[in-house]
Amino acid sequence: MWMPSAAEVLDIEDRFLAAVPGERIIESSLTVKFLKRVGVMLNPDSTATGDVVVPRSVPV
C-alpha cells in the first residue's frame, strides 16, 4: 500500500482493525524510500509526471 507519509500508517491500521473486528495486526513493515527503476516517472508528491522511462538495451 502506498502512503504519502509514514504518519498515516497507524491511521490505516486503526481503520483496518475497526473494519474487521476480532482481527489483529501481528507485524507492520515500512519501506522509507523506494527507488523506482522503470516505468512512469513520479513527482515528489507521488503523482505521475506523464514521462515514461524506457529501459535501454545493455550490451552483453
C-alpha atoms as a PDB file:
ATOM      1  CA  MET A   1       0.000   0.000   0.000  1.00  0.00           C
ATOM      2  CA  TRP A   2       1.392   3.402  -0.979  1.00  0.00           C
ATOM      3  CA  MET A   3       1.046   6.279   1.505  1.00  0.00           C
ATOM      4  CA  PRO A   4       2.360   9.802   1.076  1.00  0.00           C
ATOM      5  CA  SER A   5       3.730   9.847   4.633  1.00  0.00           C
ATOM      6  CA  ALA A   6       4.697   7.428   7.388  1.00  0.00           C
ATOM      7  CA  ALA A   7       2.362   9.279   9.747  1.00  0.00           C
ATOM      8  CA  GLU A   8      -0.585   7.600   8.025  1.00  0.00           C
ATOM      9  CA  VAL A   9       0.463   4.033   8.910  1.00  0.00           C
ATOM     10  CA  LEU A  10      -1.210   3.938  12.337  1.00  0.00           C
ATOM     11  CA  ASP A  11      -4.376   5.556  10.973  1.00  0.00           C
ATOM     12  CA  ILE A  12      -4.638   2.952   8.196  1.00  0.00           C
ATOM     13  CA  GLU A  13      -4.015   0.129  10.674  1.00  0.00           C
ATOM     14  CA  ASP A  14      -6.660   1.520  13.066  1.00  0.00           C
ATOM     15  CA  ARG A  15      -9.218   1.787  10.254  1.00  0.00           C
ATOM     16  CA  PHE A  16      -8.462  -1.784   9.172  1.00  0.00           C
ATOM     17  CA  LEU A  17      -8.923  -3.120  12.704  1.00  0.00           C
ATOM     18  CA  ALA A  18     -12.200  -1.196  13.097  1.00  0.00           C
ATOM     19  CA  ALA A  19     -13.491  -2.640   9.813  1.00  0.00           C
ATOM     20  CA  VAL A  20     -12.562  -6.231  10.699  1.00  0.00           C
ATOM     21  CA  PRO A  21     -13.496  -6.835  14.359  1.00  0.00           C
ATOM     22  CA  GLY A  22     -11.665  -9.684  16.050  1.00  0.00           C
ATOM     23  CA  GLU A  23      -8.601  -9.487  13.807  1.00  0.00           C
ATOM     24  CA  ARG A  24      -5.223  -8.195  14.881  1.00  0.00           C
ATOM     25  CA  ILE A  25      -2.062  -6.960  13.218  1.00  0.00           C
ATOM     26  CA  ILE A  26       0.894  -9.126  14.217  1.00  0.00           C
ATOM     27  CA  GLU A  27       3.603  -7.234  12.345  1.00  0.00           C
ATOM     28  CA  SER A  28       3.896  -3.987  10.429  1.00  0.00           C
ATOM     29  CA  SER A  29       6.654  -3.082   7.981  1.00  0.00           C
ATOM     30  CA  LEU A  30       7.546   0.230   6.369  1.00  0.00           C
ATOM     31  CA  THR A  31       9.816   0.979   3.411  1.00  0.00           C
ATOM     32  CA  VAL A  32      11.028   4.529   3.849  1.00  0.00           C
ATOM     33  CA  LYS A  33      12.203   5.231   0.321  1.00  0.00           C
ATOM     34  CA  PHE A  34      11.531   3.158  -2.749  1.00  0.00           C
ATOM     35  CA  LEU A  35      13.634   3.743  -5.842  1.00  0.00           C
ATOM     36  CA  LYS A  36      11.549   3.248  -8.945  1.00  0.00           C
ATOM     37  CA  ARG A  37      13.755   1.950 -11.732  1.00  0.00           C
ATOM     38  CA  VAL A  38      11.465   1.569 -14.757  1.00  0.00           C
ATOM     39  CA  GLY A  39       8.078   2.917 -15.772  1.00  0.00           C
ATOM     40  CA  VAL A  40       6.158   6.117 -15.219  1.00  0.00           C
ATOM     41  CA  MET A  41       8.171   8.861 -13.533  1.00  0.00           C
ATOM     42  CA  LEU A  42       6.773  10.246 -10.288  1.00  0.00           C
ATOM     43  CA  ASN A  43       6.730  13.726  -8.777  1.00  0.00           C
ATOM     44  CA  PRO A  44       7.870  14.138  -5.146  1.00  0.00           C
ATOM     45  CA  ASP A  45       4.189  14.002  -4.099  1.00  0.00           C
ATOM     46  CA  SER A  46       3.871  10.560  -5.810  1.00  0.00           C
ATOM     47  CA  THR A  47       1.721  11.760  -8.709  1.00  0.00           C
ATOM     48  CA  ALA A  48       2.677  10.776 -12.257  1.00  0.00           C
ATOM     49  CA  THR A  49       4.729  13.261 -14.294  1.00  0.00           C
ATOM     50  CA  GLY A  50       3.476  11.845 -17.592  1.00  0.00           C
ATOM     51  CA  ASP A  51       7.005  10.811 -18.612  1.00  0.00           C
ATOM     52  CA  VAL A  52       7.709   7.133 -19.239  1.00  0.00           C
ATOM     53  CA  VAL A  53      11.175   5.647 -18.874  1.00  0.00           C
ATOM     54  CA  VAL A  54      12.034   3.048 -21.478  1.00  0.00           C
ATOM     55  CA  PRO A  55      14.863   0.724 -20.469  1.00  0.00           C
ATOM     56  CA  ARG A  56      17.846   0.868 -22.785  1.00  0.00           C
ATOM     57  CA  SER A  57      19.447  -2.255 -24.124  1.00  0.00           C
ATOM     58  CA  VAL A  58      22.542  -3.326 -22.269  1.00  0.00           C
ATOM     59  CA  PRO A  59      25.240  -4.884 -24.477  1.00  0.00           C
ATOM     60  CA  VAL A  60      26.174  -8.419 -23.468  1.00  0.00           C
END
